[in-house]
Amino acid sequence: MAGVIVKEDEPFEQALKRFKKACEKAGILSEIKKREYYEKPSVRRKKKLMAARKRLLKRLKRMKQRD
């Protein structure tokens, strides 16, 4: 769990900003969104394959533009 120690005479907004940054770095928000609802393993696999295919097509498109 992410946590920050509030320094003496530190404004609350600054401590909150550091906490949000620590949460983002730890990947807590993305984990919460991922676990918001149950996803069947087959659906999870399909999403993973689609993401890999999308990355590959994007990479190939970039390589074509360079040539």
C-alpha atoms as a PDB file:
ATOM      1  CA  MET A   1       0.000   0.000   0.000  1.00  0.00           C
ATOM      2  CA  ALA A   2       1.257   3.435  -0.897  1.00  0.00           C
ATOM      3  CA  GLY A   3       1.741   5.916   1.878  1.00  0.00           C
ATOM      4  CA  VAL A   4       3.408   9.212   2.542  1.00  0.00           C
ATOM      5  CA  ILE A   5       4.631  10.840   5.719  1.00  0.00           C
ATOM      6  CA  VAL A   6       3.397  14.393   5.982  1.00  0.00           C
ATOM      7  CA  LYS A   7       6.281  16.690   6.801  1.00  0.00           C
ATOM      8  CA  GLU A   8       6.001  19.412   9.369  1.00  0.00           C
ATOM      9  CA  ASP A   9       4.530  22.642   7.936  1.00  0.00           C
ATOM     10  CA  GLU A  10       3.729  20.880   4.632  1.00  0.00           C
ATOM     11  CA  PRO A  11       0.498  21.945   2.927  1.00  0.00           C
ATOM     12  CA  PHE A  12      -2.171  19.269   2.624  1.00  0.00           C
ATOM     13  CA  GLU A  13      -2.401  19.725  -1.162  1.00  0.00           C
ATOM     14  CA  GLN A  14       1.293  18.965  -1.586  1.00  0.00           C
ATOM     15  CA  ALA A  15       1.050  15.819   0.559  1.00  0.00           C
ATOM     16  CA  LEU A  16      -2.016  14.707  -1.419  1.00  0.00           C
ATOM     17  CA  LYS A  17      -0.119  15.252  -4.673  1.00  0.00           C
ATOM     18  CA  ARG A  18       2.769  13.092  -3.411  1.00  0.00           C
ATOM     19  CA  PHE A  19       0.302  10.398  -2.317  1.00  0.00           C
ATOM     20  CA  LYS A  20      -1.397  10.353  -5.731  1.00  0.00           C
ATOM     21  CA  LYS A  21       1.988  10.069  -7.422  1.00  0.00           C
ATOM     22  CA  ALA A  22       2.939   7.167  -5.128  1.00  0.00           C
ATOM     23  CA  CYS A  23      -0.363   5.411  -5.911  1.00  0.00           C
ATOM     24  CA  GLU A  24       0.167   5.864  -9.637  1.00  0.00           C
ATOM     25  CA  LYS A  25       3.724   4.560  -9.393  1.00  0.00           C
ATOM     26  CA  ALA A  26       2.523   1.487  -7.479  1.00  0.00           C
ATOM     27  CA  GLY A  27      -0.196   0.839 -10.083  1.00  0.00           C
ATOM     28  CA  ILE A  28      -3.022   0.817  -7.545  1.00  0.00           C
ATOM     29  CA  LEU A  29      -5.591   2.660  -9.663  1.00  0.00           C
ATOM     30  CA  SER A  30      -5.045   0.452 -12.702  1.00  0.00           C
ATOM     31  CA  GLU A  31      -5.354  -2.627 -10.482  1.00  0.00           C
ATOM     32  CA  ILE A  32      -8.652  -1.356  -9.056  1.00  0.00           C
ATOM     33  CA  LYS A  33     -10.045  -0.722 -12.538  1.00  0.00           C
ATOM     34  CA  LYS A  34      -8.915  -4.169 -13.663  1.00  0.00           C
ATOM     35  CA  ARG A  35     -10.657  -5.873 -10.728  1.00  0.00           C
ATOM     36  CA  GLU A  36     -13.824  -3.775 -10.860  1.00  0.00           C
ATOM     37  CA  TYR A  37     -15.793  -6.690 -12.284  1.00  0.00           C
ATOM     38  CA  TYR A  38     -15.097 -10.366 -12.947  1.00  0.00           C
ATOM     39  CA  GLU A  39     -13.720 -11.211 -16.351  1.00  0.00           C
ATOM     40  CA  LYS A  40     -13.783 -14.776 -17.595  1.00  0.00           C
ATOM     41  CA  PRO A  41     -10.365 -16.244 -18.422  1.00  0.00           C
ATOM     42  CA  SER A  42     -11.360 -16.691 -22.084  1.00  0.00           C
ATOM     43  CA  VAL A  43     -12.296 -13.010 -22.364  1.00  0.00           C
ATOM     44  CA  ARG A  44      -9.047 -12.036 -20.639  1.00  0.00           C
ATOM     45  CA  ARG A  45      -7.066 -14.099 -23.185  1.00  0.00           C
ATOM     46  CA  LYS A  46      -8.939 -12.527 -26.116  1.00  0.00           C
ATOM     47  CA  LYS A  47      -8.233  -9.031 -24.814  1.00  0.00           C
ATOM     48  CA  LYS A  48      -4.567  -9.884 -24.369  1.00  0.00           C
ATOM     49  CA  LEU A  49      -4.326 -11.218 -27.934  1.00  0.00           C
ATOM     50  CA  MET A  50      -6.124  -8.175 -29.349  1.00  0.00           C
ATOM     51  CA  ALA A  51      -3.771  -5.835 -27.487  1.00  0.00           C
ATOM     52  CA  ALA A  52      -0.728  -7.735 -28.813  1.00  0.00           C
ATOM     53  CA  ARG A  53      -2.112  -7.590 -32.355  1.00  0.00           C
ATOM     54  CA  LYS A  54      -2.775  -3.859 -32.012  1.00  0.00           C
ATOM     55  CA  ARG A  55       0.787  -3.247 -30.783  1.00  0.00           C
ATOM     56  CA  LEU A  56       2.206  -5.264 -33.682  1.00  0.00           C
ATOM     57  CA  LEU A  57       0.161  -3.389 -36.288  1.00  0.00           C
ATOM     58  CA  LYS A  58       1.174  -0.082 -34.735  1.00  0.00           C
ATOM     59  CA  ARG A  59       4.848  -1.095 -34.840  1.00  0.00           C
ATOM     60  CA  LEU A  60       4.581  -2.234 -38.466  1.00  0.00           C
ATOM     61  CA  LYS A  61       2.864   1.019 -39.434  1.00  0.00           C
ATOM     62  CA  ARG A  62       5.667   3.036 -37.818  1.00  0.00           C
ATOM     63  CA  MET A  63       8.307   0.976 -39.649  1.00  0.00           C
ATOM     64  CA  LYS A  64       6.562   1.597 -43.000  1.00  0.00           C
ATOM     65  CA  GLN A  65       6.515   5.335 -42.364  1.00  0.00           C
ATOM     66  CA  ARG A  66      10.273   5.357 -41.775  1.00  0.00           C
ATOM     67  CA  ASP A  67      10.996   3.774 -45.171  1.00  0.00           C
END
